[in-house]
Amino acid sequence: MENKKYLLNTDKVLFTPLEEEGVLYAIEDNKYISLNTTYTSIVQYIAEGLEYNGIVSQLMDEYEVEKEVCEGQLKAVVADLLAKGYINEATA
């Protein structure tokens, strides 16, 4: 996958890290979404402005997983967040 960068869509969602987990608040739906630790890490790295490859590297170190496993999970989370409109692909 290309080394893309994603941005939180703060018009639709707010992110709050809570110790090891986190919460997304979907503004339009007025609901809170509890995140597990992996999902929280991914959203946190997106919020910090890391590019795709940087997120992969951080997750591999944090969870001690192989690159293929890491990329598979990251792709799934990014696809989910994009589909819901919670993140957008950054433009140059």
PDB file of N, CA and C in Angstrom:
ATOM      1  N   MET A   1       0.847  -1.187   0.000  1.00  0.00           N
ATOM      2  CA  MET A   1       0.000   0.000   0.000  1.00  0.00           C
ATOM      3  C   MET A   1       0.886   1.242   0.000  1.00  0.00           C
ATOM      4  N   GLU A   2       0.426   2.253  -0.705  1.00  0.00           N
ATOM      5  CA  GLU A   2       1.183   3.502  -0.739  1.00  0.00           C
ATOM      6  C   GLU A   2       1.315   4.082   0.663  1.00  0.00           C
ATOM      7  N   ASN A   3       2.305   4.936   0.825  1.00  0.00           N
ATOM      8  CA  ASN A   3       2.519   5.577   2.117  1.00  0.00           C
ATOM      9  C   ASN A   3       1.592   6.789   2.245  1.00  0.00           C
ATOM     10  N   LYS A   4       0.310   6.511   2.398  1.00  0.00           N
ATOM     11  CA  LYS A   4      -0.691   7.564   2.472  1.00  0.00           C
ATOM     12  C   LYS A   4      -0.771   8.135   3.878  1.00  0.00           C
ATOM     13  N   LYS A   5      -1.338   9.315   3.945  1.00  0.00           N
ATOM     14  CA  LYS A   5      -1.571   9.963   5.226  1.00  0.00           C
ATOM     15  C   LYS A   5      -3.069  10.218   5.349  1.00  0.00           C
ATOM     16  N   TYR A   6      -3.587  10.001   6.533  1.00  0.00           N
ATOM     17  CA  TYR A   6      -5.007  10.189   6.791  1.00  0.00           C
ATOM     18  C   TYR A   6      -5.194  11.230   7.885  1.00  0.00           C
ATOM     19  N   LEU A   7      -6.340  11.879   7.850  1.00  0.00           N
ATOM     20  CA  LEU A   7      -6.668  12.898   8.843  1.00  0.00           C
ATOM     21  C   LEU A   7      -8.008  12.570   9.476  1.00  0.00           C
ATOM     22  N   LEU A   8      -8.117  12.810  10.782  1.00  0.00           N
ATOM     23  CA  LEU A   8      -9.416  12.664  11.429  1.00  0.00           C
ATOM     24  C   LEU A   8     -10.370  13.708  10.871  1.00  0.00           C
ATOM     25  N   ASN A   9     -11.587  13.316  10.593  1.00  0.00           N
ATOM     26  CA  ASN A   9     -12.608  14.240  10.125  1.00  0.00           C
ATOM     27  C   ASN A   9     -13.320  14.796  11.357  1.00  0.00           C
ATOM     28  N   THR A  10     -12.795  15.869  11.897  1.00  0.00           N
ATOM     29  CA  THR A  10     -13.315  16.422  13.151  1.00  0.00           C
ATOM     30  C   THR A  10     -14.685  17.072  12.999  1.00  0.00           C
ATOM     31  N   ASP A  11     -15.198  17.136  11.776  1.00  0.00           N
ATOM     32  CA  ASP A  11     -16.581  17.571  11.588  1.00  0.00           C
ATOM     33  C   ASP A  11     -17.551  16.440  11.912  1.00  0.00           C
ATOM     34  N   LYS A  12     -17.045  15.195  11.860  1.00  0.00           N
ATOM     35  CA  LYS A  12     -17.902  14.034  12.093  1.00  0.00           C
ATOM     36  C   LYS A  12     -17.586  13.276  13.372  1.00  0.00           C
ATOM     37  N   VAL A  13     -16.331  13.361  13.831  1.00  0.00           N
ATOM     38  CA  VAL A  13     -15.934  12.517  14.952  1.00  0.00           C
ATOM     39  C   VAL A  13     -14.880  13.214  15.811  1.00  0.00           C
ATOM     40  N   LEU A  14     -14.963  12.948  17.102  1.00  0.00           N
ATOM     41  CA  LEU A  14     -13.951  13.424  18.047  1.00  0.00           C
ATOM     42  C   LEU A  14     -13.326  12.206  18.706  1.00  0.00           C
ATOM     43  N   PHE A  15     -12.019  12.252  18.943  1.00  0.00           N
ATOM     44  CA  PHE A  15     -11.293  11.132  19.535  1.00  0.00           C
ATOM     45  C   PHE A  15     -10.761  11.526  20.897  1.00  0.00           C
ATOM     46  N   THR A  16     -10.979  10.639  21.875  1.00  0.00           N
ATOM     47  CA  THR A  16     -10.445  10.844  23.214  1.00  0.00           C
ATOM     48  C   THR A  16      -9.740   9.570  23.666  1.00  0.00           C
ATOM     49  N   PRO A  17      -8.403   9.631  23.876  1.00  0.00           N
ATOM     50  CA  PRO A  17      -7.709   8.460  24.426  1.00  0.00           C
ATOM     51  C   PRO A  17      -7.971   8.361  25.926  1.00  0.00           C
ATOM     52  N   LEU A  18      -8.202   7.147  26.404  1.00  0.00           N
ATOM     53  CA  LEU A  18      -8.440   6.889  27.822  1.00  0.00           C
ATOM     54  C   LEU A  18      -7.537   5.745  28.257  1.00  0.00           C
ATOM     55  N   GLU A  19      -6.439   6.072  28.918  1.00  0.00           N
ATOM     56  CA  GLU A  19      -5.443   5.083  29.322  1.00  0.00           C
ATOM     57  C   GLU A  19      -5.076   4.209  28.131  1.00  0.00           C
ATOM     58  N   GLU A  20      -5.399   2.903  28.156  1.00  0.00           N
ATOM     59  CA  GLU A  20      -5.003   2.022  27.056  1.00  0.00           C
ATOM     60  C   GLU A  20      -6.055   1.934  25.959  1.00  0.00           C
ATOM     61  N   GLU A  21      -7.252   2.414  26.222  1.00  0.00           N
ATOM     62  CA  GLU A  21      -8.314   2.365  25.231  1.00  0.00           C
ATOM     63  C   GLU A  21      -8.726   3.778  24.870  1.00  0.00           C
ATOM     64  N   GLY A  22      -9.694   3.900  23.989  1.00  0.00           N
ATOM     65  CA  GLY A  22     -10.131   5.222  23.577  1.00  0.00           C
ATOM     66  C   GLY A  22     -11.597   5.225  23.203  1.00  0.00           C
ATOM     67  N   VAL A  23     -12.092   6.431  22.936  1.00  0.00           N
ATOM     68  CA  VAL A  23     -13.491   6.613  22.580  1.00  0.00           C
ATOM     69  C   VAL A  23     -13.580   7.553  21.388  1.00  0.00           C
ATOM     70  N   LEU A  24     -14.421   7.195  20.442  1.00  0.00           N
ATOM     71  CA  LEU A  24     -14.784   8.098  19.364  1.00  0.00           C
ATOM     72  C   LEU A  24     -16.191   8.598  19.657  1.00  0.00           C
ATOM     73  N   TYR A  25     -16.400   9.883  19.466  1.00  0.00           N
ATOM     74  CA  TYR A  25     -17.738  10.445  19.591  1.00  0.00           C
ATOM     75  C   TYR A  25     -18.203  10.823  18.193  1.00  0.00           C
ATOM     76  N   ALA A  26     -19.221  10.123  17.705  1.00  0.00           N
ATOM     77  CA  ALA A  26     -19.784  10.400  16.380  1.00  0.00           C
ATOM     78  C   ALA A  26     -20.776  11.549  16.532  1.00  0.00           C
ATOM     79  N   ILE A  27     -20.388  12.714  16.054  1.00  0.00           N
ATOM     80  CA  ILE A  27     -21.150  13.941  16.266  1.00  0.00           C
ATOM     81  C   ILE A  27     -22.549  13.850  15.664  1.00  0.00           C
ATOM     82  N   GLU A  28     -22.665  13.431  14.404  1.00  0.00           N
ATOM     83  CA  GLU A  28     -23.964  13.386  13.734  1.00  0.00           C
ATOM     84  C   GLU A  28     -24.918  12.389  14.378  1.00  0.00           C
ATOM     85  N   ASP A  29     -24.380  11.261  14.850  1.00  0.00           N
ATOM     86  CA  ASP A  29     -25.212  10.218  15.455  1.00  0.00           C
ATOM     87  C   ASP A  29     -25.394  10.410  16.955  1.00  0.00           C
ATOM     88  N   ASN A  30     -24.634  11.337  17.527  1.00  0.00           N
ATOM     89  CA  ASN A  30     -24.659  11.592  18.965  1.00  0.00           C
ATOM     90  C   ASN A  30     -24.441  10.301  19.757  1.00  0.00           C
ATOM     91  N   LYS A  31     -23.392   9.551  19.365  1.00  0.00           N
ATOM     92  CA  LYS A  31     -23.104   8.316  20.090  1.00  0.00           C
ATOM     93  C   LYS A  31     -21.604   8.149  20.308  1.00  0.00           C
ATOM     94  N   TYR A  32     -21.293   7.447  21.383  1.00  0.00           N
ATOM     95  CA  TYR A  32     -19.915   7.139  21.730  1.00  0.00           C
ATOM     96  C   TYR A  32     -19.584   5.733  21.262  1.00  0.00           C
ATOM     97  N   ILE A  33     -18.372   5.574  20.739  1.00  0.00           N
ATOM     98  CA  ILE A  33     -17.908   4.283  20.255  1.00  0.00           C
ATOM     99  C   ILE A  33     -16.647   3.931  21.032  1.00  0.00           C
ATOM    100  N   SER A  34     -16.722   2.868  21.808  1.00  0.00           N
ATOM    101  CA  SER A  34     -15.580   2.421  22.602  1.00  0.00           C
ATOM    102  C   SER A  34     -14.614   1.653  21.706  1.00  0.00           C
ATOM    103  N   LEU A  35     -13.326   1.961  21.821  1.00  0.00           N
ATOM    104  CA  LEU A  35     -12.302   1.346  20.982  1.00  0.00           C
ATOM    105  C   LEU A  35     -11.422   0.406  21.792  1.00  0.00           C
ATOM    106  N   ASN A  36     -11.040  -0.721  21.181  1.00  0.00           N
ATOM    107  CA  ASN A  36     -10.076  -1.596  21.849  1.00  0.00           C
ATOM    108  C   ASN A  36      -8.678  -0.987  21.719  1.00  0.00           C
ATOM    109  N   THR A  37      -7.701  -1.615  22.318  1.00  0.00           N
ATOM    110  CA  THR A  37      -6.361  -1.023  22.370  1.00  0.00           C
ATOM    111  C   THR A  37      -5.732  -0.855  20.987  1.00  0.00           C
ATOM    112  N   THR A  38      -5.909  -1.842  20.111  1.00  0.00           N
ATOM    113  CA  THR A  38      -5.320  -1.745  18.774  1.00  0.00           C
ATOM    114  C   THR A  38      -5.965  -0.621  17.976  1.00  0.00           C
ATOM    115  N   TYR A  39      -7.275  -0.581  17.988  1.00  0.00           N
ATOM    116  CA  TYR A  39      -8.015   0.460  17.267  1.00  0.00           C
ATOM    117  C   TYR A  39      -7.630   1.834  17.818  1.00  0.00           C
ATOM    118  N   THR A  40      -7.509   1.930  19.140  1.00  0.00           N
ATOM    119  CA  THR A  40      -7.115   3.190  19.776  1.00  0.00           C
ATOM    120  C   THR A  40      -5.743   3.632  19.291  1.00  0.00           C
ATOM    121  N   SER A  41      -4.792   2.706  19.237  1.00  0.00           N
ATOM    122  CA  SER A  41      -3.442   3.043  18.770  1.00  0.00           C
ATOM    123  C   SER A  41      -3.475   3.571  17.347  1.00  0.00           C
ATOM    124  N   ILE A  42      -4.234   2.911  16.490  1.00  0.00           N
ATOM    125  CA  ILE A  42      -4.306   3.332  15.090  1.00  0.00           C
ATOM    126  C   ILE A  42      -4.895   4.731  14.980  1.00  0.00           C
ATOM    127  N   VAL A  43      -6.007   4.979  15.661  1.00  0.00           N
ATOM    128  CA  VAL A  43      -6.636   6.305  15.606  1.00  0.00           C
ATOM    129  C   VAL A  43      -5.698   7.360  16.197  1.00  0.00           C
ATOM    130  N   GLN A  44      -4.994   7.014  17.271  1.00  0.00           N
ATOM    131  CA  GLN A  44      -4.053   7.946  17.889  1.00  0.00           C
ATOM    132  C   GLN A  44      -2.938   8.321  16.912  1.00  0.00           C
ATOM    133  N   TYR A  45      -2.389   7.329  16.213  1.00  0.00           N
ATOM    134  CA  TYR A  45      -1.317   7.605  15.253  1.00  0.00           C
ATOM    135  C   TYR A  45      -1.819   8.439  14.077  1.00  0.00           C
ATOM    136  N   ILE A  46      -3.045   8.192  13.641  1.00  0.00           N
ATOM    137  CA  ILE A  46      -3.632   9.027  12.587  1.00  0.00           C
ATOM    138  C   ILE A  46      -3.774  10.454  13.093  1.00  0.00           C
ATOM    139  N   ALA A  47      -4.270  10.607  14.315  1.00  0.00           N
ATOM    140  CA  ALA A  47      -4.446  11.939  14.904  1.00  0.00           C
ATOM    141  C   ALA A  47      -3.115  12.672  15.047  1.00  0.00           C
ATOM    142  N   GLU A  48      -2.040  11.911  15.287  1.00  0.00           N
ATOM    143  CA  GLU A  48      -0.708  12.507  15.431  1.00  0.00           C
ATOM    144  C   GLU A  48      -0.074  12.851  14.086  1.00  0.00           C
ATOM    145  N   GLY A  49      -0.706  12.430  12.989  1.00  0.00           N
ATOM    146  CA  GLY A  49      -0.207  12.780  11.662  1.00  0.00           C
ATOM    147  C   GLY A  49       0.775  11.799  11.054  1.00  0.00           C
ATOM    148  N   LEU A  50       0.883  10.595  11.621  1.00  0.00           N
ATOM    149  CA  LEU A  50       1.788   9.606  11.041  1.00  0.00           C
ATOM    150  C   LEU A  50       1.256   9.121   9.700  1.00  0.00           C
ATOM    151  N   GLU A  51       2.176   8.875   8.769  1.00  0.00           N
ATOM    152  CA  GLU A  51       1.809   8.284   7.491  1.00  0.00           C
ATOM    153  C   GLU A  51       1.647   6.779   7.681  1.00  0.00           C
ATOM    154  N   TYR A  52       1.063   6.131   6.684  1.00  0.00           N
ATOM    155  CA  TYR A  52       0.748   4.707   6.743  1.00  0.00           C
ATOM    156  C   TYR A  52       1.942   3.856   7.195  1.00  0.00           C
ATOM    157  N   ASN A  53       3.095   4.026   6.544  1.00  0.00           N
ATOM    158  CA  ASN A  53       4.270   3.214   6.893  1.00  0.00           C
ATOM    159  C   ASN A  53       4.740   3.473   8.318  1.00  0.00           C
ATOM    160  N   GLY A  54       4.606   4.700   8.783  1.00  0.00           N
ATOM    161  CA  GLY A  54       4.958   5.026  10.160  1.00  0.00           C
ATOM    162  C   GLY A  54       4.041   4.342  11.151  1.00  0.00           C
ATOM    163  N   ILE A  55       2.758   4.263  10.806  1.00  0.00           N
ATOM    164  CA  ILE A  55       1.798   3.577  11.672  1.00  0.00           C
ATOM    165  C   ILE A  55       2.127   2.089  11.725  1.00  0.00           C
ATOM    166  N   VAL A  56       2.439   1.496  10.575  1.00  0.00           N
ATOM    167  CA  VAL A  56       2.817   0.079  10.529  1.00  0.00           C
ATOM    168  C   VAL A  56       4.017  -0.166  11.434  1.00  0.00           C
ATOM    169  N   SER A  57       5.031   0.662  11.318  1.00  0.00           N
ATOM    170  CA  SER A  57       6.242   0.515  12.129  1.00  0.00           C
ATOM    171  C   SER A  57       5.938   0.614  13.622  1.00  0.00           C
ATOM    172  N   GLN A  58       5.149   1.600  13.998  1.00  0.00           N
ATOM    173  CA  GLN A  58       4.792   1.786  15.413  1.00  0.00           C
ATOM    174  C   GLN A  58       4.009   0.583  15.944  1.00  0.00           C
ATOM    175  N   LEU A  59       3.041   0.110  15.167  1.00  0.00           N
ATOM    176  CA  LEU A  59       2.226  -1.027  15.606  1.00  0.00           C
ATOM    177  C   LEU A  59       3.049  -2.302  15.714  1.00  0.00           C
ATOM    178  N   MET A  60       3.995  -2.508  14.789  1.00  0.00           N
ATOM    179  CA  MET A  60       4.854  -3.686  14.850  1.00  0.00           C
ATOM    180  C   MET A  60       5.674  -3.683  16.133  1.00  0.00           C
ATOM    181  N   ASP A  61       6.192  -2.516  16.507  1.00  0.00           N
ATOM    182  CA  ASP A  61       6.961  -2.398  17.748  1.00  0.00           C
ATOM    183  C   ASP A  61       6.069  -2.566  18.972  1.00  0.00           C
ATOM    184  N   GLU A  62       4.915  -1.918  18.942  1.00  0.00           N
ATOM    185  CA  GLU A  62       4.014  -1.910  20.096  1.00  0.00           C
ATOM    186  C   GLU A  62       3.423  -3.289  20.393  1.00  0.00           C
ATOM    187  N   TYR A  63       3.050  -4.009  19.333  1.00  0.00           N
ATOM    188  CA  TYR A  63       2.360  -5.290  19.519  1.00  0.00           C
ATOM    189  C   TYR A  63       3.199  -6.503  19.151  1.00  0.00           C
ATOM    190  N   GLU A  64       4.433  -6.280  18.706  1.00  0.00           N
ATOM    191  CA  GLU A  64       5.349  -7.359  18.347  1.00  0.00           C
ATOM    192  C   GLU A  64       4.695  -8.349  17.382  1.00  0.00           C
ATOM    193  N   VAL A  65       4.185  -7.818  16.275  1.00  0.00           N
ATOM    194  CA  VAL A  65       3.553  -8.646  15.253  1.00  0.00           C
ATOM    195  C   VAL A  65       4.319  -8.515  13.943  1.00  0.00           C
ATOM    196  N   GLU A  66       4.110  -9.494  13.069  1.00  0.00           N
ATOM    197  CA  GLU A  66       4.757  -9.461  11.762  1.00  0.00           C
ATOM    198  C   GLU A  66       4.101  -8.400  10.886  1.00  0.00           C
ATOM    199  N   LYS A  67       4.861  -7.932   9.913  1.00  0.00           N
ATOM    200  CA  LYS A  67       4.398  -6.851   9.050  1.00  0.00           C
ATOM    201  C   LYS A  67       3.096  -7.202   8.326  1.00  0.00           C
ATOM    202  N   GLU A  68       2.983  -8.435   7.824  1.00  0.00           N
ATOM    203  CA  GLU A  68       1.786  -8.836   7.081  1.00  0.00           C
ATOM    204  C   GLU A  68       0.542  -8.783   7.962  1.00  0.00           C
ATOM    205  N   VAL A  69       0.655  -9.259   9.195  1.00  0.00           N
ATOM    206  CA  VAL A  69      -0.468  -9.237  10.141  1.00  0.00           C
ATOM    207  C   VAL A  69      -0.842  -7.797  10.460  1.00  0.00           C
ATOM    208  N   CYS A  70       0.161  -7.002  10.717  1.00  0.00           N
ATOM    209  CA  CYS A  70      -0.039  -5.596  11.054  1.00  0.00           C
ATOM    210  C   CYS A  70      -0.731  -4.853   9.918  1.00  0.00           C
ATOM    211  N   GLU A  71      -0.233  -5.029   8.704  1.00  0.00           N
ATOM    212  CA  GLU A  71      -0.819  -4.337   7.558  1.00  0.00           C
ATOM    213  C   GLU A  71      -2.251  -4.783   7.303  1.00  0.00           C
ATOM    214  N   GLY A  72      -2.527  -6.062   7.500  1.00  0.00           N
ATOM    215  CA  GLY A  72      -3.886  -6.568   7.308  1.00  0.00           C
ATOM    216  C   GLY A  72      -4.870  -5.910   8.256  1.00  0.00           C
ATOM    217  N   GLN A  73      -4.485  -5.809   9.534  1.00  0.00           N
ATOM    218  CA  GLN A  73      -5.368  -5.179  10.512  1.00  0.00           C
ATOM    219  C   GLN A  73      -5.489  -3.684  10.266  1.00  0.00           C
ATOM    220  N   LEU A  74      -4.388  -3.044   9.916  1.00  0.00           N
ATOM    221  CA  LEU A  74      -4.419  -1.605   9.663  1.00  0.00           C
ATOM    222  C   LEU A  74      -5.305  -1.287   8.461  1.00  0.00           C
ATOM    223  N   LYS A  75      -5.185  -2.076   7.391  1.00  0.00           N
ATOM    224  CA  LYS A  75      -6.022  -1.854   6.206  1.00  0.00           C
ATOM    225  C   LYS A  75      -7.500  -1.965   6.559  1.00  0.00           C
ATOM    226  N   ALA A  76      -7.853  -2.945   7.385  1.00  0.00           N
ATOM    227  CA  ALA A  76      -9.252  -3.142   7.775  1.00  0.00           C
ATOM    228  C   ALA A  76      -9.774  -1.956   8.576  1.00  0.00           C
ATOM    229  N   VAL A  77      -8.977  -1.470   9.514  1.00  0.00           N
ATOM    230  CA  VAL A  77      -9.396  -0.330  10.336  1.00  0.00           C
ATOM    231  C   VAL A  77      -9.511   0.930   9.486  1.00  0.00           C
ATOM    232  N   VAL A  78      -8.526   1.172   8.629  1.00  0.00           N
ATOM    233  CA  VAL A  78      -8.561   2.359   7.762  1.00  0.00           C
ATOM    234  C   VAL A  78      -9.785   2.303   6.850  1.00  0.00           C
ATOM    235  N   ALA A  79     -10.067   1.137   6.268  1.00  0.00           N
ATOM    236  CA  ALA A  79     -11.239   0.994   5.395  1.00  0.00           C
ATOM    237  C   ALA A  79     -12.525   1.279   6.160  1.00  0.00           C
ATOM    238  N   ASP A  80     -12.621   0.789   7.385  1.00  0.00           N
ATOM    239  CA  ASP A  80     -13.799   1.025   8.223  1.00  0.00           C
ATOM    240  C   ASP A  80     -13.963   2.509   8.537  1.00  0.00           C
ATOM    241  N   LEU A  81     -12.873   3.153   8.938  1.00  0.00           N
ATOM    242  CA  LEU A  81     -12.920   4.579   9.274  1.00  0.00           C
ATOM    243  C   LEU A  81     -13.244   5.437   8.053  1.00  0.00           C
ATOM    244  N   LEU A  82     -12.694   5.079   6.898  1.00  0.00           N
ATOM    245  CA  LEU A  82     -12.999   5.805   5.660  1.00  0.00           C
ATOM    246  C   LEU A  82     -14.471   5.640   5.284  1.00  0.00           C
ATOM    247  N   ALA A  83     -14.981   4.408   5.385  1.00  0.00           N
ATOM    248  CA  ALA A  83     -16.372   4.132   5.020  1.00  0.00           C
ATOM    249  C   ALA A  83     -17.349   4.917   5.891  1.00  0.00           C
ATOM    250  N   LYS A  84     -17.000   5.095   7.151  1.00  0.00           N
ATOM    251  CA  LYS A  84     -17.866   5.836   8.074  1.00  0.00           C
ATOM    252  C   LYS A  84     -17.673   7.347   7.971  1.00  0.00           C
ATOM    253  N   GLY A  85     -16.647   7.758   7.223  1.00  0.00           N
ATOM    254  CA  GLY A  85     -16.372   9.185   7.078  1.00  0.00           C
ATOM    255  C   GLY A  85     -15.642   9.783   8.263  1.00  0.00           C
ATOM    256  N   TYR A  86     -15.067   8.938   9.126  1.00  0.00           N
ATOM    257  CA  TYR A  86     -14.379   9.417  10.326  1.00  0.00           C
ATOM    258  C   TYR A  86     -12.965   9.898  10.033  1.00  0.00           C
ATOM    259  N   ILE A  87     -12.391   9.418   8.918  1.00  0.00           N
ATOM    260  CA  ILE A  87     -11.091   9.914   8.462  1.00  0.00           C
ATOM    261  C   ILE A  87     -11.196  10.228   6.975  1.00  0.00           C
ATOM    262  N   ASN A  88     -10.273  11.035   6.516  1.00  0.00           N
ATOM    263  CA  ASN A  88     -10.148  11.362   5.097  1.00  0.00           C
ATOM    264  C   ASN A  88      -8.698  11.167   4.694  1.00  0.00           C
ATOM    265  N   GLU A  89      -8.500  10.851   3.428  1.00  0.00           N
ATOM    266  CA  GLU A  89      -7.140  10.769   2.914  1.00  0.00           C
ATOM    267  C   GLU A  89      -6.615  12.185   2.742  1.00  0.00           C
ATOM    268  N   ALA A  90      -5.425  12.430   3.271  1.00  0.00           N
ATOM    269  CA  ALA A  90      -4.817  13.760   3.166  1.00  0.00           C
ATOM    270  C   ALA A  90      -4.398  14.012   1.726  1.00  0.00           C
ATOM    271  N   THR A  91      -4.565  15.237   1.284  1.00  0.00           N
ATOM    272  CA  THR A  91      -4.111  15.616  -0.049  1.00  0.00           C
ATOM    273  C   THR A  91      -2.853  16.453   0.090  1.00  0.00           C
ATOM    274  N   ALA A  92      -1.986  16.331  -0.899  1.00  0.00           N
ATOM    275  CA  ALA A  92      -0.697  17.033  -0.845  1.00  0.00           C
ATOM    276  C   ALA A  92      -0.855  18.521  -0.956  1.00  0.00           C
TER     277      ALA A  92
END
